[in-house]
Amino acid sequence: VLGADQSLSENIPRETLMHFAVRLGLLRLTWFLLQQPGGRG
């Protein structure tokens, strides 16, 4: 979910796919992303 570069630490401010899904209120997509690698992170 966070893209290919796993070296980026959680402290680097950035947009994620999760921000996108939540900002538009996409409940089903958010639920799907949560179950993918990087979703909870």
Full PDB file with SEQRES, HELIX, SHEET, SSBOND, CRYST1, ORIGX, SCALE, CONECT and MASTER records, all heavy atoms in Angstrom:
SEQRES   1 A   41  VAL LEU GLY ALA ASP GLN SER LEU SER GLU ASN ILE PRO          
SEQRES   2 A   41  ARG GLU THR LEU MET HIS PHE ALA VAL ARG LEU GLY LEU          
SEQRES   3 A   41  LEU ARG LEU THR TRP PHE LEU LEU GLN GLN PRO GLY GLY          
SEQRES   4 A   41  ARG GLY                                                      
HELIX    1 AA1 LEU A   17  ARG A   23  1                                   7    
HELIX    2 AA2 LEU A   27  LEU A   34  1                                   8    
CRYST1    1.000    1.000    1.000  90.00  90.00  90.00 P 1           1          
ORIGX1      1.000000  0.000000  0.000000        0.00000                         
ORIGX2      0.000000  1.000000  0.000000        0.00000                         
ORIGX3      0.000000  0.000000  1.000000        0.00000                         
SCALE1      1.000000  0.000000  0.000000        0.00000                         
SCALE2      0.000000  1.000000  0.000000        0.00000                         
SCALE3      0.000000  0.000000  1.000000        0.00000                         
ATOM      1  N   VAL A   1       0.832  -1.205   0.000  1.00  0.00           N  
ATOM      2  CA  VAL A   1       0.000   0.000   0.000  1.00  0.00           C  
ATOM      3  C   VAL A   1       0.872   1.263   0.000  1.00  0.00           C  
ATOM      4  O   VAL A   1       0.501   2.294  -0.554  1.00  0.00           O  
ATOM      5  CB  VAL A   1      -0.949   0.001   1.228  1.00  0.00           C  
ATOM      6  CG1 VAL A   1      -1.685   1.324   1.372  1.00  0.00           C  
ATOM      7  CG2 VAL A   1      -1.946  -1.144   1.110  1.00  0.00           C  
ATOM      8  N   LEU A   2       2.051   1.161   0.615  1.00  0.00           N  
ATOM      9  CA  LEU A   2       2.926   2.327   0.732  1.00  0.00           C  
ATOM     10  C   LEU A   2       3.894   2.478  -0.445  1.00  0.00           C  
ATOM     11  O   LEU A   2       4.763   3.342  -0.424  1.00  0.00           O  
ATOM     12  CB  LEU A   2       3.724   2.255   2.039  1.00  0.00           C  
ATOM     13  CG  LEU A   2       2.856   2.238   3.304  1.00  0.00           C  
ATOM     14  CD1 LEU A   2       3.697   1.993   4.532  1.00  0.00           C  
ATOM     15  CD2 LEU A   2       2.085   3.538   3.436  1.00  0.00           C  
ATOM     16  N   GLY A   3       3.762   1.616  -1.444  1.00  0.00           N  
ATOM     17  CA  GLY A   3       4.666   1.716  -2.585  1.00  0.00           C  
ATOM     18  C   GLY A   3       5.866   0.807  -2.414  1.00  0.00           C  
ATOM     19  O   GLY A   3       6.008   0.117  -1.405  1.00  0.00           O  
ATOM     20  N   ALA A   4       6.745   0.823  -3.404  1.00  0.00           N  
ATOM     21  CA  ALA A   4       7.841  -0.151  -3.442  1.00  0.00           C  
ATOM     22  C   ALA A   4       8.984   0.184  -2.482  1.00  0.00           C  
ATOM     23  O   ALA A   4       9.691  -0.691  -2.008  1.00  0.00           O  
ATOM     24  CB  ALA A   4       8.373  -0.255  -4.855  1.00  0.00           C  
ATOM     25  N   ASP A   5       9.156   1.482  -2.182  1.00  0.00           N  
ATOM     26  CA  ASP A   5      10.316   1.875  -1.378  1.00  0.00           C  
ATOM     27  C   ASP A   5      10.050   1.694   0.108  1.00  0.00           C  
ATOM     28  O   ASP A   5       9.561   2.594   0.790  1.00  0.00           O  
ATOM     29  CB  ASP A   5      10.671   3.342  -1.683  1.00  0.00           C  
ATOM     30  CG  ASP A   5      11.982   3.747  -1.002  1.00  0.00           C  
ATOM     31  OD1 ASP A   5      12.597   2.886  -0.331  1.00  0.00           O  
ATOM     32  OD2 ASP A   5      12.384   4.922  -1.133  1.00  0.00           O  
ATOM     33  N   GLN A   6      10.384   0.502   0.605  1.00  0.00           N  
ATOM     34  CA  GLN A   6      10.092   0.196   2.009  1.00  0.00           C  
ATOM     35  C   GLN A   6      11.080   0.843   2.986  1.00  0.00           C  
ATOM     36  O   GLN A   6      10.917   0.747   4.197  1.00  0.00           O  
ATOM     37  CB  GLN A   6      10.092  -1.326   2.223  1.00  0.00           C  
ATOM     38  CG  GLN A   6       9.005  -2.046   1.472  1.00  0.00           C  
ATOM     39  CD  GLN A   6       7.631  -1.393   1.643  1.00  0.00           C  
ATOM     40  OE1 GLN A   6       7.136  -1.262   2.755  1.00  0.00           O  
ATOM     41  NE2 GLN A   6       7.039  -0.966   0.543  1.00  0.00           N  
ATOM     42  N   SER A   7      12.116   1.517   2.445  1.00  0.00           N  
ATOM     43  CA  SER A   7      13.117   2.106   3.337  1.00  0.00           C  
ATOM     44  C   SER A   7      12.620   3.412   3.961  1.00  0.00           C  
ATOM     45  O   SER A   7      13.185   3.915   4.912  1.00  0.00           O  
ATOM     46  CB  SER A   7      14.417   2.356   2.564  1.00  0.00           C  
ATOM     47  OG  SER A   7      14.151   3.310   1.540  1.00  0.00           O  
ATOM     48  N   LEU A   8      11.538   3.973   3.388  1.00  0.00           N  
ATOM     49  CA  LEU A   8      11.007   5.222   3.943  1.00  0.00           C  
ATOM     50  C   LEU A   8      10.444   4.952   5.335  1.00  0.00           C  
ATOM     51  O   LEU A   8       9.648   4.047   5.525  1.00  0.00           O  
ATOM     52  CB  LEU A   8       9.882   5.773   3.049  1.00  0.00           C  
ATOM     53  CG  LEU A   8      10.288   6.312   1.680  1.00  0.00           C  
ATOM     54  CD1 LEU A   8       9.047   6.667   0.871  1.00  0.00           C  
ATOM     55  CD2 LEU A   8      11.161   7.543   1.826  1.00  0.00           C  
ATOM     56  N   SER A   9      10.867   5.746   6.309  1.00  0.00           N  
ATOM     57  CA  SER A   9      10.374   5.503   7.666  1.00  0.00           C  
ATOM     58  C   SER A   9       8.989   6.114   7.818  1.00  0.00           C  
ATOM     59  O   SER A   9       8.553   6.931   7.003  1.00  0.00           O  
ATOM     60  CB  SER A   9      11.317   6.119   8.699  1.00  0.00           C  
ATOM     61  OG  SER A   9      11.016   7.493   8.849  1.00  0.00           O  
ATOM     62  N   GLU A  10       8.313   5.732   8.876  1.00  0.00           N  
ATOM     63  CA  GLU A  10       6.962   6.243   9.112  1.00  0.00           C  
ATOM     64  C   GLU A  10       6.973   7.732   9.445  1.00  0.00           C  
ATOM     65  O   GLU A  10       5.937   8.388   9.463  1.00  0.00           O  
ATOM     66  CB  GLU A  10       6.278   5.450  10.232  1.00  0.00           C  
ATOM     67  CG  GLU A  10       5.867   4.064   9.779  1.00  0.00           C  
ATOM     68  CD  GLU A  10       4.992   3.333  10.790  1.00  0.00           C  
ATOM     69  OE1 GLU A  10       4.643   3.942  11.818  1.00  0.00           O  
ATOM     70  OE2 GLU A  10       4.678   2.163  10.541  1.00  0.00           O  
ATOM     71  N   ASN A  11       8.166   8.260   9.748  1.00  0.00           N  
ATOM     72  CA  ASN A  11       8.235   9.676  10.142  1.00  0.00           C  
ATOM     73  C   ASN A  11       8.290  10.636   8.965  1.00  0.00           C  
ATOM     74  O   ASN A  11       8.214  11.839   9.138  1.00  0.00           O  
ATOM     75  CB  ASN A  11       9.458   9.913  11.045  1.00  0.00           C  
ATOM     76  CG  ASN A  11       9.493   8.927  12.197  1.00  0.00           C  
ATOM     77  OD1 ASN A  11       8.437   8.501  12.661  1.00  0.00           O  
ATOM     78  ND2 ASN A  11      10.677   8.553  12.651  1.00  0.00           N  
ATOM     79  N   ILE A  12       8.486  10.085   7.748  1.00  0.00           N  
ATOM     80  CA  ILE A  12       8.544  10.981   6.590  1.00  0.00           C  
ATOM     81  C   ILE A  12       7.124  11.322   6.156  1.00  0.00           C  
ATOM     82  O   ILE A  12       6.350  10.439   5.813  1.00  0.00           O  
ATOM     83  CB  ILE A  12       9.319  10.316   5.423  1.00  0.00           C  
ATOM     84  CG1 ILE A  12      10.772  10.073   5.844  1.00  0.00           C  
ATOM     85  CG2 ILE A  12       9.267  11.189   4.172  1.00  0.00           C  
ATOM     86  CD1 ILE A  12      11.587   9.316   4.826  1.00  0.00           C  
ATOM     87  N   PRO A  13       6.747  12.631   6.232  1.00  0.00           N  
ATOM     88  CA  PRO A  13       5.379  12.989   5.855  1.00  0.00           C  
ATOM     89  C   PRO A  13       5.138  12.753   4.370  1.00  0.00           C  
ATOM     90  O   PRO A  13       5.951  13.129   3.539  1.00  0.00           O  
ATOM     91  CB  PRO A  13       5.280  14.482   6.198  1.00  0.00           C  
ATOM     92  CG  PRO A  13       6.658  14.946   6.467  1.00  0.00           C  
ATOM     93  CD  PRO A  13       7.554  13.784   6.639  1.00  0.00           C  
ATOM     94  N   ARG A  14       4.042  12.101   4.044  1.00  0.00           N  
ATOM     95  CA  ARG A  14       3.709  11.842   2.641  1.00  0.00           C  
ATOM     96  C   ARG A  14       2.263  11.396   2.498  1.00  0.00           C  
ATOM     97  O   ARG A  14       1.640  10.942   3.442  1.00  0.00           O  
ATOM     98  CB  ARG A  14       4.651  10.789   2.044  1.00  0.00           C  
ATOM     99  CG  ARG A  14       4.623   9.422   2.717  1.00  0.00           C  
ATOM    100  CD  ARG A  14       5.840   8.618   2.300  1.00  0.00           C  
ATOM    101  NE  ARG A  14       5.806   7.220   2.660  1.00  0.00           N  
ATOM    102  CZ  ARG A  14       6.179   6.737   3.835  1.00  0.00           C  
ATOM    103  NH1 ARG A  14       6.573   7.556   4.791  1.00  0.00           N  
ATOM    104  NH2 ARG A  14       6.146   5.437   4.075  1.00  0.00           N  
ATOM    105  N   GLU A  15       1.774  11.540   1.276  1.00  0.00           N  
ATOM    106  CA  GLU A  15       0.447  11.046   0.927  1.00  0.00           C  
ATOM    107  C   GLU A  15       0.529   9.535   0.730  1.00  0.00           C  
ATOM    108  O   GLU A  15       1.532   9.025   0.241  1.00  0.00           O  
ATOM    109  CB  GLU A  15       0.007  11.627  -0.419  1.00  0.00           C  
ATOM    110  CG  GLU A  15      -0.793  12.892  -0.435  1.00  0.00           C  
ATOM    111  CD  GLU A  15      -1.950  12.984   0.531  1.00  0.00           C  
ATOM    112  OE1 GLU A  15      -2.956  12.287   0.346  1.00  0.00           O  
ATOM    113  OE2 GLU A  15      -1.854  13.769   1.482  1.00  0.00           O  
ATOM    114  N   THR A  16      -0.536   8.815   1.066  1.00  0.00           N  
ATOM    115  CA  THR A  16      -0.596   7.375   0.786  1.00  0.00           C  
ATOM    116  C   THR A  16      -1.928   7.061   0.098  1.00  0.00           C  
ATOM    117  O   THR A  16      -2.845   7.881   0.103  1.00  0.00           O  
ATOM    118  CB  THR A  16      -0.510   6.539   2.086  1.00  0.00           C  
ATOM    119  OG1 THR A  16      -1.706   6.766   2.836  1.00  0.00           O  
ATOM    120  CG2 THR A  16       0.693   6.925   2.934  1.00  0.00           C  
ATOM    121  N   LEU A  17      -2.002   5.863  -0.442  1.00  0.00           N  
ATOM    122  CA  LEU A  17      -3.258   5.404  -1.043  1.00  0.00           C  
ATOM    123  C   LEU A  17      -4.378   5.398  -0.003  1.00  0.00           C  
ATOM    124  O   LEU A  17      -5.540   5.602  -0.322  1.00  0.00           O  
ATOM    125  CB  LEU A  17      -3.094   3.973  -1.565  1.00  0.00           C  
ATOM    126  CG  LEU A  17      -2.734   3.769  -3.027  1.00  0.00           C  
ATOM    127  CD1 LEU A  17      -2.712   2.277  -3.326  1.00  0.00           C  
ATOM    128  CD2 LEU A  17      -3.715   4.477  -3.952  1.00  0.00           C  
ATOM    129  N   MET A  18      -3.994   5.153   1.258  1.00  0.00           N  
ATOM    130  CA  MET A  18      -4.988   5.125   2.331  1.00  0.00           C  
ATOM    131  C   MET A  18      -5.575   6.523   2.551  1.00  0.00           C  
ATOM    132  O   MET A  18      -6.780   6.671   2.762  1.00  0.00           O  
ATOM    133  CB  MET A  18      -4.343   4.593   3.617  1.00  0.00           C  
ATOM    134  CG  MET A  18      -5.328   4.205   4.674  1.00  0.00           C  
ATOM    135  SD  MET A  18      -6.356   2.777   4.200  1.00  0.00           S  
ATOM    136  CE  MET A  18      -5.329   1.426   4.742  1.00  0.00           C  
ATOM    137  N   HIS A  19      -4.720   7.553   2.477  1.00  0.00           N  
ATOM    138  CA  HIS A  19      -5.225   8.933   2.568  1.00  0.00           C  
ATOM    139  C   HIS A  19      -6.254   9.175   1.460  1.00  0.00           C  
ATOM    140  O   HIS A  19      -7.316   9.746   1.689  1.00  0.00           O  
ATOM    141  CB  HIS A  19      -4.080   9.955   2.398  1.00  0.00           C  
ATOM    142  CG  HIS A  19      -3.197  10.128   3.599  1.00  0.00           C  
ATOM    143  ND1 HIS A  19      -2.096   9.341   3.812  1.00  0.00           N  
ATOM    144  CD2 HIS A  19      -3.253  11.006   4.641  1.00  0.00           C  
ATOM    145  CE1 HIS A  19      -1.497   9.726   4.941  1.00  0.00           C  
ATOM    146  NE2 HIS A  19      -2.178  10.733   5.463  1.00  0.00           N  
ATOM    147  N   PHE A  20      -5.912   8.726   0.265  1.00  0.00           N  
ATOM    148  CA  PHE A  20      -6.806   8.904  -0.885  1.00  0.00           C  
ATOM    149  C   PHE A  20      -8.173   8.261  -0.633  1.00  0.00           C  
ATOM    150  O   PHE A  20      -9.222   8.874  -0.801  1.00  0.00           O  
ATOM    151  CB  PHE A  20      -6.169   8.304  -2.150  1.00  0.00           C  
ATOM    152  CG  PHE A  20      -7.151   8.014  -3.253  1.00  0.00           C  
ATOM    153  CD1 PHE A  20      -7.678   9.038  -4.024  1.00  0.00           C  
ATOM    154  CD2 PHE A  20      -7.566   6.706  -3.507  1.00  0.00           C  
ATOM    155  CE1 PHE A  20      -8.610   8.770  -5.035  1.00  0.00           C  
ATOM    156  CE2 PHE A  20      -8.495   6.441  -4.518  1.00  0.00           C  
ATOM    157  CZ  PHE A  20      -9.011   7.483  -5.273  1.00  0.00           C  
ATOM    158  N   ALA A  21      -8.150   6.974  -0.233  1.00  0.00           N  
ATOM    159  CA  ALA A  21      -9.401   6.225  -0.039  1.00  0.00           C  
ATOM    160  C   ALA A  21     -10.257   6.861   1.055  1.00  0.00           C  
ATOM    161  O   ALA A  21     -11.473   6.997   0.920  1.00  0.00           O  
ATOM    162  CB  ALA A  21      -9.087   4.768   0.302  1.00  0.00           C  
ATOM    163  N   VAL A  22      -9.592   7.280   2.137  1.00  0.00           N  
ATOM    164  CA  VAL A  22     -10.331   7.867   3.262  1.00  0.00           C  
ATOM    165  C   VAL A  22     -10.867   9.253   2.913  1.00  0.00           C  
ATOM    166  O   VAL A  22     -12.004   9.601   3.234  1.00  0.00           O  
ATOM    167  CB  VAL A  22      -9.427   7.934   4.523  1.00  0.00           C  
ATOM    168  CG1 VAL A  22     -10.095   8.749   5.624  1.00  0.00           C  
ATOM    169  CG2 VAL A  22      -9.123   6.528   5.026  1.00  0.00           C  
ATOM    170  N   ARG A  23     -10.059  10.038   2.221  1.00  0.00           N  
ATOM    171  CA  ARG A  23     -10.470  11.408   1.892  1.00  0.00           C  
ATOM    172  C   ARG A  23     -11.757  11.410   1.066  1.00  0.00           C  
ATOM    173  O   ARG A  23     -12.611  12.266   1.221  1.00  0.00           O  
ATOM    174  CB  ARG A  23      -9.344  12.112   1.133  1.00  0.00           C  
ATOM    175  CG  ARG A  23      -9.570  13.591   0.975  1.00  0.00           C  
ATOM    176  CD  ARG A  23      -8.472  14.276   0.205  1.00  0.00           C  
ATOM    177  NE  ARG A  23      -7.324  14.560   1.062  1.00  0.00           N  
ATOM    178  CZ  ARG A  23      -6.176  13.899   0.990  1.00  0.00           C  
ATOM    179  NH1 ARG A  23      -6.015  12.932   0.113  1.00  0.00           N  
ATOM    180  NH2 ARG A  23      -5.183  14.216   1.787  1.00  0.00           N  
ATOM    181  N   LEU A  24     -11.884  10.425   0.152  1.00  0.00           N  
ATOM    182  CA  LEU A  24     -13.104  10.354  -0.656  1.00  0.00           C  
ATOM    183  C   LEU A  24     -14.227   9.575   0.041  1.00  0.00           C  
ATOM    184  O   LEU A  24     -15.327   9.495  -0.458  1.00  0.00           O  
ATOM    185  CB  LEU A  24     -12.798   9.693  -2.010  1.00  0.00           C  
ATOM    186  CG  LEU A  24     -12.213  10.595  -3.095  1.00  0.00           C  
ATOM    187  CD1 LEU A  24     -11.993   9.794  -4.366  1.00  0.00           C  
ATOM    188  CD2 LEU A  24     -13.117  11.781  -3.403  1.00  0.00           C  
ATOM    189  N   GLY A  25     -13.907   8.977   1.181  1.00  0.00           N  
ATOM    190  CA  GLY A  25     -14.930   8.214   1.898  1.00  0.00           C  
ATOM    191  C   GLY A  25     -15.206   6.862   1.269  1.00  0.00           C  
ATOM    192  O   GLY A  25     -16.332   6.373   1.284  1.00  0.00           O  
ATOM    193  N   LEU A  26     -14.165   6.234   0.694  1.00  0.00           N  
ATOM    194  CA  LEU A  26     -14.338   4.939   0.019  1.00  0.00           C  
ATOM    195  C   LEU A  26     -14.175   3.795   1.024  1.00  0.00           C  
ATOM    196  O   LEU A  26     -13.082   3.271   1.236  1.00  0.00           O  
ATOM    197  CB  LEU A  26     -13.329   4.799  -1.127  1.00  0.00           C  
ATOM    198  CG  LEU A  26     -13.320   5.963  -2.140  1.00  0.00           C  
ATOM    199  CD1 LEU A  26     -12.249   5.752  -3.203  1.00  0.00           C  
ATOM    200  CD2 LEU A  26     -14.690   6.132  -2.796  1.00  0.00           C  
ATOM    201  N   LEU A  27     -15.284   3.428   1.634  1.00  0.00           N  
ATOM    202  CA  LEU A  27     -15.277   2.443   2.721  1.00  0.00           C  
ATOM    203  C   LEU A  27     -14.785   1.066   2.266  1.00  0.00           C  
ATOM    204  O   LEU A  27     -13.939   0.457   2.909  1.00  0.00           O  
ATOM    205  CB  LEU A  27     -16.700   2.326   3.280  1.00  0.00           C  
ATOM    206  CG  LEU A  27     -16.864   1.608   4.616  1.00  0.00           C  
ATOM    207  CD1 LEU A  27     -16.220   2.401   5.746  1.00  0.00           C  
ATOM    208  CD2 LEU A  27     -18.341   1.413   4.938  1.00  0.00           C  
ATOM    209  N   ARG A  28     -15.293   0.590   1.119  1.00  0.00           N  
ATOM    210  CA  ARG A  28     -14.906  -0.753   0.658  1.00  0.00           C  
ATOM    211  C   ARG A  28     -13.437  -0.802   0.249  1.00  0.00           C  
ATOM    212  O   ARG A  28     -12.745  -1.783   0.498  1.00  0.00           O  
ATOM    213  CB  ARG A  28     -15.764  -1.183  -0.540  1.00  0.00           C  
ATOM    214  CG  ARG A  28     -17.252  -1.332  -0.229  1.00  0.00           C  
ATOM    215  CD  ARG A  28     -17.992  -1.671  -1.525  1.00  0.00           C  
ATOM    216  NE  ARG A  28     -19.426  -1.713  -1.407  1.00  0.00           N  
ATOM    217  CZ  ARG A  28     -20.216  -0.652  -1.560  1.00  0.00           C  
ATOM    218  NH1 ARG A  28     -19.694   0.544  -1.815  1.00  0.00           N  
ATOM    219  NH2 ARG A  28     -21.526  -0.770  -1.457  1.00  0.00           N  
ATOM    220  N   LEU A  29     -12.983   0.271  -0.407  1.00  0.00           N  
ATOM    221  CA  LEU A  29     -11.588   0.300  -0.834  1.00  0.00           C  
ATOM    222  C   LEU A  29     -10.657   0.373   0.385  1.00  0.00           C  
ATOM    223  O   LEU A  29      -9.623  -0.288   0.434  1.00  0.00           O  
ATOM    224  CB  LEU A  29     -11.326   1.478  -1.783  1.00  0.00           C  
ATOM    225  CG  LEU A  29      -9.912   1.526  -2.367  1.00  0.00           C  
ATOM    226  CD1 LEU A  29      -9.570   0.265  -3.159  1.00  0.00           C  
ATOM    227  CD2 LEU A  29      -9.721   2.759  -3.261  1.00  0.00           C  
ATOM    228  N   THR A  30     -11.047   1.170   1.380  1.00  0.00           N  
ATOM    229  CA  THR A  30     -10.251   1.270   2.611  1.00  0.00           C  
ATOM    230  C   THR A  30     -10.131  -0.105   3.270  1.00  0.00           C  
ATOM    231  O   THR A  30      -9.053  -0.528   3.679  1.00  0.00           O  
ATOM    232  CB  THR A  30     -10.907   2.259   3.594  1.00  0.00           C  
ATOM    233  OG1 THR A  30     -11.003   3.545   2.956  1.00  0.00           O  
ATOM    234  CG2 THR A  30     -10.086   2.415   4.860  1.00  0.00           C  
ATOM    235  N   TRP A  31     -11.255  -0.802   3.367  1.00  0.00           N  
ATOM    236  CA  TRP A  31     -11.284  -2.146   3.977  1.00  0.00           C  
ATOM    237  C   TRP A  31     -10.369  -3.097   3.218  1.00  0.00           C  
ATOM    238  O   TRP A  31      -9.618  -3.877   3.806  1.00  0.00           O  
ATOM    239  CB  TRP A  31     -12.735  -2.639   3.983  1.00  0.00           C  
ATOM    240  CG  TRP A  31     -12.952  -4.064   4.384  1.00  0.00           C  
ATOM    241  CD1 TRP A  31     -13.585  -5.015   3.655  1.00  0.00           C  
ATOM    242  CD2 TRP A  31     -12.565  -4.706   5.612  1.00  0.00           C  
ATOM    243  NE1 TRP A  31     -13.602  -6.209   4.335  1.00  0.00           N  
ATOM    244  CE2 TRP A  31     -12.988  -6.065   5.539  1.00  0.00           C  
ATOM    245  CE3 TRP A  31     -11.890  -4.288   6.755  1.00  0.00           C  
ATOM    246  CZ2 TRP A  31     -12.764  -6.980   6.563  1.00  0.00           C  
ATOM    247  CZ3 TRP A  31     -11.662  -5.210   7.783  1.00  0.00           C  
ATOM    248  CH2 TRP A  31     -12.107  -6.527   7.681  1.00  0.00           C  
ATOM    249  N   PHE A  32     -10.385  -3.010   1.869  1.00  0.00           N  
ATOM    250  CA  PHE A  32      -9.507  -3.845   1.051  1.00  0.00           C  
ATOM    251  C   PHE A  32      -8.036  -3.496   1.323  1.00  0.00           C  
ATOM    252  O   PHE A  32      -7.204  -4.376   1.545  1.00  0.00           O  
ATOM    253  CB  PHE A  32      -9.817  -3.655  -0.442  1.00  0.00           C  
ATOM    254  CG  PHE A  32      -8.832  -4.345  -1.342  1.00  0.00           C  
ATOM    255  CD1 PHE A  32      -8.897  -5.713  -1.557  1.00  0.00           C  
ATOM    256  CD2 PHE A  32      -7.808  -3.633  -1.959  1.00  0.00           C  
ATOM    257  CE1 PHE A  32      -7.971  -6.367  -2.376  1.00  0.00           C  
ATOM    258  CE2 PHE A  32      -6.880  -4.274  -2.773  1.00  0.00           C  
ATOM    259  CZ  PHE A  32      -6.961  -5.638  -2.982  1.00  0.00           C  
ATOM    260  N   LEU A  33      -7.700  -2.199   1.319  1.00  0.00           N  
ATOM    261  CA  LEU A  33      -6.309  -1.772   1.526  1.00  0.00           C  
ATOM    262  C   LEU A  33      -5.793  -2.174   2.910  1.00  0.00           C  
ATOM    263  O   LEU A  33      -4.626  -2.519   3.065  1.00  0.00           O  
ATOM    264  CB  LEU A  33      -6.179  -0.249   1.338  1.00  0.00           C  
ATOM    265  CG  LEU A  33      -6.406   0.272  -0.088  1.00  0.00           C  
ATOM    266  CD1 LEU A  33      -6.393   1.801  -0.107  1.00  0.00           C  
ATOM    267  CD2 LEU A  33      -5.360  -0.277  -1.062  1.00  0.00           C  
ATOM    268  N   LEU A  34      -6.682  -2.121   3.904  1.00  0.00           N  
ATOM    269  CA  LEU A  34      -6.294  -2.505   5.269  1.00  0.00           C  
ATOM    270  C   LEU A  34      -5.773  -3.934   5.331  1.00  0.00           C  
ATOM    271  O   LEU A  34      -4.948  -4.269   6.179  1.00  0.00           O  
ATOM    272  CB  LEU A  34      -7.498  -2.409   6.205  1.00  0.00           C  
ATOM    273  CG  LEU A  34      -7.698  -1.116   6.972  1.00  0.00           C  
ATOM    274  CD1 LEU A  34      -8.977  -1.213   7.784  1.00  0.00           C  
ATOM    275  CD2 LEU A  34      -6.520  -0.817   7.887  1.00  0.00           C  
ATOM    276  N   GLN A  35      -6.282  -4.774   4.448  1.00  0.00           N  
ATOM    277  CA  GLN A  35      -5.903  -6.195   4.482  1.00  0.00           C  
ATOM    278  C   GLN A  35      -4.636  -6.482   3.669  1.00  0.00           C  
ATOM    279  O   GLN A  35      -4.147  -7.598   3.660  1.00  0.00           O  
ATOM    280  CB  GLN A  35      -7.058  -7.041   3.948  1.00  0.00           C  
ATOM    281  CG  GLN A  35      -8.304  -6.926   4.808  1.00  0.00           C  
ATOM    282  CD  GLN A  35      -9.520  -7.506   4.113  1.00  0.00           C  
ATOM    283  OE1 GLN A  35      -9.624  -8.713   3.926  1.00  0.00           O  
ATOM    284  NE2 GLN A  35     -10.427  -6.653   3.696  1.00  0.00           N  
ATOM    285  N   GLN A  36      -4.141  -5.452   2.966  1.00  0.00           N  
ATOM    286  CA  GLN A  36      -2.941  -5.642   2.140  1.00  0.00           C  
ATOM    287  C   GLN A  36      -1.679  -5.274   2.928  1.00  0.00           C  
ATOM    288  O   GLN A  36      -1.744  -4.536   3.902  1.00  0.00           O  
ATOM    289  CB  GLN A  36      -3.019  -4.762   0.877  1.00  0.00           C  
ATOM    290  CG  GLN A  36      -4.274  -4.956   0.045  1.00  0.00           C  
ATOM    291  CD  GLN A  36      -4.585  -6.419  -0.223  1.00  0.00           C  
ATOM    292  OE1 GLN A  36      -3.744  -7.158  -0.725  1.00  0.00           O  
ATOM    293  NE2 GLN A  36      -5.791  -6.843   0.142  1.00  0.00           N  
ATOM    294  N   PRO A  37      -0.503  -5.775   2.471  1.00  0.00           N  
ATOM    295  CA  PRO A  37       0.754  -5.388   3.109  1.00  0.00           C  
ATOM    296  C   PRO A  37       0.889  -3.856   3.119  1.00  0.00           C  
ATOM    297  O   PRO A  37       0.621  -3.205   2.119  1.00  0.00           O  
ATOM    298  CB  PRO A  37       1.832  -6.013   2.218  1.00  0.00           C  
ATOM    299  CG  PRO A  37       1.139  -7.109   1.475  1.00  0.00           C  
ATOM    300  CD  PRO A  37      -0.292  -6.697   1.341  1.00  0.00           C  
ATOM    301  N   GLY A  38       1.259  -3.304   4.259  1.00  0.00           N  
ATOM    302  CA  GLY A  38       1.437  -1.846   4.375  1.00  0.00           C  
ATOM    303  C   GLY A  38       0.153  -1.112   4.720  1.00  0.00           C  
ATOM    304  O   GLY A  38       0.174   0.080   5.021  1.00  0.00           O  
ATOM    305  N   GLY A  39      -0.969  -1.814   4.680  1.00  0.00           N  
ATOM    306  CA  GLY A  39      -2.261  -1.171   4.939  1.00  0.00           C  
ATOM    307  C   GLY A  39      -2.368  -0.601   6.340  1.00  0.00           C  
ATOM    308  O   GLY A  39      -2.747   0.561   6.545  1.00  0.00           O  
ATOM    309  N   ARG A  40      -2.010  -1.410   7.326  1.00  0.00           N  
ATOM    310  CA  ARG A  40      -2.092  -0.935   8.712  1.00  0.00           C  
ATOM    311  C   ARG A  40      -1.028   0.121   9.002  1.00  0.00           C  
ATOM    312  O   ARG A  40      -1.268   1.074   9.729  1.00  0.00           O  
ATOM    313  CB  ARG A  40      -1.986  -2.104   9.688  1.00  0.00           C  
ATOM    314  CG  ARG A  40      -3.260  -2.909   9.706  1.00  0.00           C  
ATOM    315  CD  ARG A  40      -3.149  -4.213  10.450  1.00  0.00           C  
ATOM    316  NE  ARG A  40      -4.409  -4.934  10.328  1.00  0.00           N  
ATOM    317  CZ  ARG A  40      -5.393  -4.863  11.221  1.00  0.00           C  
ATOM    318  NH1 ARG A  40      -5.264  -4.093  12.295  1.00  0.00           N  
ATOM    319  NH2 ARG A  40      -6.505  -5.554  11.058  1.00  0.00           N  
ATOM    320  N   GLY A  41       0.147  -0.090   8.393  1.00  0.00           N  
ATOM    321  CA  GLY A  41       1.230   0.882   8.582  1.00  0.00           C  
ATOM    322  C   GLY A  41       0.847   2.269   8.078  1.00  0.00           C  
ATOM    323  O   GLY A  41       1.252   3.289   8.631  1.00  0.00           O  
TER     324      GLY A  41                                                      
MASTER        0    0    0    2    0    0    0    6  323    1    0    4          
END                                                                             
